[in-house]
Amino acid sequence: MYESIYDIDFGLLWDDGVRHLIFDVDNTLISYADSDVSIQCINLFKSIQSIGFESIILMSNNSSVDRIERVAKQLDLPAITFACKPFVFTMRRLLNDRSMNIQEVALIGDQLLTDVLLANTFKIISVFVDPIDTSHLSYLKNAQYSFQRWILQSFYRQ
């Protein structure tokens, strides 16, 4: 578990054989309140791209195609919107269409019950980061993050 995407050692992922990165967008790269990525985020992705990963893809459950495509354009990356994580059909299509070896894929996200669960379903590497901002959330998202905190607290108490 990392505080943010900026704490992840992407060189280590490369050394461990990861060749494909899939990033959640909302509250992993940008907060729900933002529609533009920061200069820091743009620089991070330039650095990640220079490592040599075969593919870096944004995948979001957000149905706002314009918002996610705006982020993708700013980072010069492909994006998948309304992915319906943790359901498997979008991920299965992505893995098959791009002929990705699941042992070479890592999914980076901020939600246990969507991002990490989807990665674990396919037995791919999951990289869990803290959400960027939990103050601008809908009631449903707030409930999801509260449940997620409860799960993590229960896990770390043992």
Protein backbone atom coordinates (compact mmCIF):
# COMPACT_ATOMS: atom_id res chain seq x y z
CA MET A 1 0.00 0.00 0.00
CA TYR A 2 1.36 3.38 -1.04
CA GLU A 3 0.36 6.90 -0.09
CA SER A 4 0.23 7.93 -3.75
CA ILE A 5 1.36 6.98 -7.23
CA TYR A 6 4.44 9.13 -6.64
CA ASP A 7 5.71 6.66 -4.03
CA ILE A 8 5.65 3.64 -6.35
CA ASP A 9 8.98 2.38 -7.66
CA PHE A 10 8.08 1.74 -11.30
CA GLY A 11 11.66 0.67 -12.03
CA LEU A 12 11.21 -2.15 -9.52
CA LEU A 13 7.97 -3.21 -11.22
CA TRP A 14 9.90 -3.29 -14.52
CA ASP A 15 12.67 -5.34 -12.90
CA ASP A 16 10.01 -7.76 -11.60
CA GLY A 17 8.83 -8.39 -15.17
CA VAL A 18 5.88 -5.99 -15.40
CA ARG A 19 5.50 -4.70 -18.96
CA HIS A 20 1.92 -3.37 -18.91
CA LEU A 21 0.49 -0.82 -16.47
CA ILE A 22 -3.20 -0.13 -16.03
CA PHE A 23 -4.10 2.92 -13.95
CA ASP A 24 -7.38 3.83 -12.35
CA VAL A 25 -8.07 7.56 -12.85
CA ASP A 26 -10.42 8.94 -10.22
CA ASN A 27 -8.75 9.47 -6.86
CA THR A 28 -5.66 7.62 -8.08
CA LEU A 29 -4.35 10.15 -10.63
CA ILE A 30 -6.68 13.10 -9.98
CA SER A 31 -9.39 13.84 -7.43
CA TYR A 32 -13.06 13.68 -8.34
CA ALA A 33 -13.13 17.49 -8.14
CA ASP A 34 -10.40 17.93 -10.78
CA SER A 35 -10.50 17.49 -14.52
CA ASP A 36 -6.87 18.33 -15.28
CA VAL A 37 -3.76 16.45 -14.27
CA SER A 38 -0.99 18.21 -12.42
CA ILE A 39 2.43 18.99 -13.89
CA GLN A 40 3.80 16.54 -11.31
CA CYS A 41 1.56 13.80 -12.73
CA ILE A 42 2.54 14.61 -16.33
CA ASN A 43 6.22 14.43 -15.37
CA LEU A 44 5.70 11.14 -13.55
CA PHE A 45 4.11 9.58 -16.63
CA LYS A 46 6.93 10.83 -18.86
CA SER A 47 9.32 9.15 -16.45
CA ILE A 48 7.26 5.93 -16.44
CA GLN A 49 7.13 5.91 -20.26
CA SER A 50 10.92 6.31 -20.45
CA ILE A 51 11.36 3.03 -18.55
CA GLY A 52 10.03 1.17 -21.59
CA PHE A 53 6.69 -0.33 -20.58
CA GLU A 54 4.93 -1.86 -23.59
CA SER A 55 1.60 -0.31 -22.64
CA ILE A 56 0.26 2.17 -20.13
CA ILE A 57 -3.53 2.39 -20.10
CA LEU A 58 -6.04 4.38 -18.09
CA MET A 59 -9.14 2.48 -16.98
CA SER A 60 -12.02 4.18 -15.22
CA ASN A 61 -15.47 3.28 -14.00
CA ASN A 62 -16.43 6.90 -14.63
CA SER A 63 -19.07 7.29 -17.31
CA SER A 64 -17.93 10.82 -18.16
CA VAL A 65 -16.16 10.06 -21.41
CA ASP A 66 -15.16 13.71 -21.91
CA ARG A 67 -13.48 13.96 -18.50
CA ILE A 68 -11.49 10.72 -18.81
CA GLU A 69 -10.52 11.41 -22.42
CA ARG A 70 -9.30 14.85 -21.34
CA VAL A 71 -7.03 13.23 -18.76
CA ALA A 72 -5.88 10.65 -21.32
CA LYS A 73 -5.08 13.38 -23.83
CA GLN A 74 -3.09 15.35 -21.25
CA LEU A 75 -1.04 12.22 -20.50
CA ASP A 76 -0.97 11.06 -24.14
CA LEU A 77 -2.34 7.64 -23.17
CA PRO A 78 -5.24 5.43 -24.25
CA ALA A 79 -8.21 5.25 -21.90
CA ILE A 80 -11.16 3.00 -21.21
CA THR A 81 -14.23 4.62 -19.67
CA PHE A 82 -17.14 3.00 -17.87
CA ALA A 83 -15.06 -0.14 -17.30
CA CYS A 84 -17.52 -1.57 -14.74
CA LYS A 85 -14.76 -2.79 -12.43
CA PRO A 86 -14.69 -5.31 -10.74
CA PHE A 87 -16.69 -7.11 -13.44
CA VAL A 88 -14.31 -8.97 -15.70
CA PHE A 89 -15.59 -8.36 -19.24
CA THR A 90 -13.73 -5.09 -19.93
CA MET A 91 -10.45 -6.36 -18.46
CA ARG A 92 -10.75 -9.66 -20.31
CA ARG A 93 -11.30 -7.80 -23.60
CA LEU A 94 -8.33 -5.51 -22.93
CA LEU A 95 -6.00 -8.40 -22.08
CA ASN A 96 -7.11 -10.38 -25.14
CA ASP A 97 -7.11 -7.47 -27.61
CA ARG A 98 -3.60 -6.45 -26.60
CA SER A 99 -2.32 -10.02 -26.16
CA MET A 100 -1.09 -9.24 -22.65
CA ASN A 101 0.48 -11.94 -20.52
CA ILE A 102 -1.25 -11.60 -17.13
CA GLN A 103 2.09 -12.21 -15.37
CA GLU A 104 3.35 -8.96 -16.94
CA VAL A 105 0.42 -6.72 -15.91
CA ALA A 106 0.00 -4.46 -12.89
CA LEU A 107 -3.16 -2.55 -12.01
CA ILE A 108 -2.74 0.60 -9.89
CA GLY A 109 -5.76 1.95 -8.04
CA ASP A 110 -7.26 3.33 -4.86
CA GLN A 111 -10.22 1.01 -4.23
CA LEU A 112 -10.11 -2.46 -2.74
CA LEU A 113 -13.51 -3.51 -4.02
CA THR A 114 -12.98 -2.47 -7.63
CA ASP A 115 -9.31 -2.11 -8.59
CA VAL A 116 -7.66 -4.62 -6.25
CA LEU A 117 -10.53 -7.12 -6.52
CA LEU A 118 -10.36 -7.00 -10.33
CA ALA A 119 -6.59 -7.50 -10.30
CA ASN A 120 -6.88 -10.40 -7.87
CA THR A 121 -9.61 -12.01 -10.00
CA PHE A 122 -7.14 -12.20 -12.90
CA LYS A 123 -4.18 -12.95 -10.60
CA ILE A 124 -2.36 -9.87 -11.83
CA ILE A 125 -0.28 -7.59 -9.64
CA SER A 126 -2.31 -5.00 -7.77
CA VAL A 127 -0.74 -1.81 -6.48
CA PHE A 128 -2.99 -0.16 -3.91
CA VAL A 129 -2.67 3.58 -3.23
CA ASP A 130 -4.48 5.82 -0.78
CA PRO A 131 -7.24 7.92 -2.37
CA ILE A 132 -6.14 11.44 -3.26
CA ASP A 133 -9.13 13.21 -1.75
CA THR A 134 -12.09 11.88 0.21
CA SER A 135 -13.75 15.24 0.83
CA HIS A 136 -15.58 15.69 -2.50
CA LEU A 137 -17.45 12.40 -2.67
CA SER A 138 -20.98 11.29 -3.40
CA TYR A 139 -22.83 9.44 -0.67
CA LEU A 140 -22.14 6.12 -2.41
CA LYS A 141 -18.40 6.76 -2.80
CA ASN A 142 -18.20 7.92 0.80
CA ALA A 143 -19.85 4.67 1.90
CA GLN A 144 -17.43 2.65 -0.25
CA TYR A 145 -14.38 4.37 1.23
CA SER A 146 -15.78 3.96 4.77
CA PHE A 147 -16.25 0.24 4.17
CA GLN A 148 -12.76 0.06 2.68
CA ARG A 149 -11.28 1.75 5.79
CA TRP A 150 -13.15 -0.74 7.99
CA ILE A 151 -11.73 -3.68 6.00
CA LEU A 152 -8.19 -2.30 6.21
CA GLN A 153 -8.47 -1.57 9.94
CA SER A 154 -9.82 -5.07 10.56
CA PHE A 155 -6.98 -6.58 8.53
CA TYR A 156 -4.23 -4.59 10.26
CA ARG A 157 -5.59 -5.29 13.77
CA GLN A 158 -4.94 -9.00 13.35
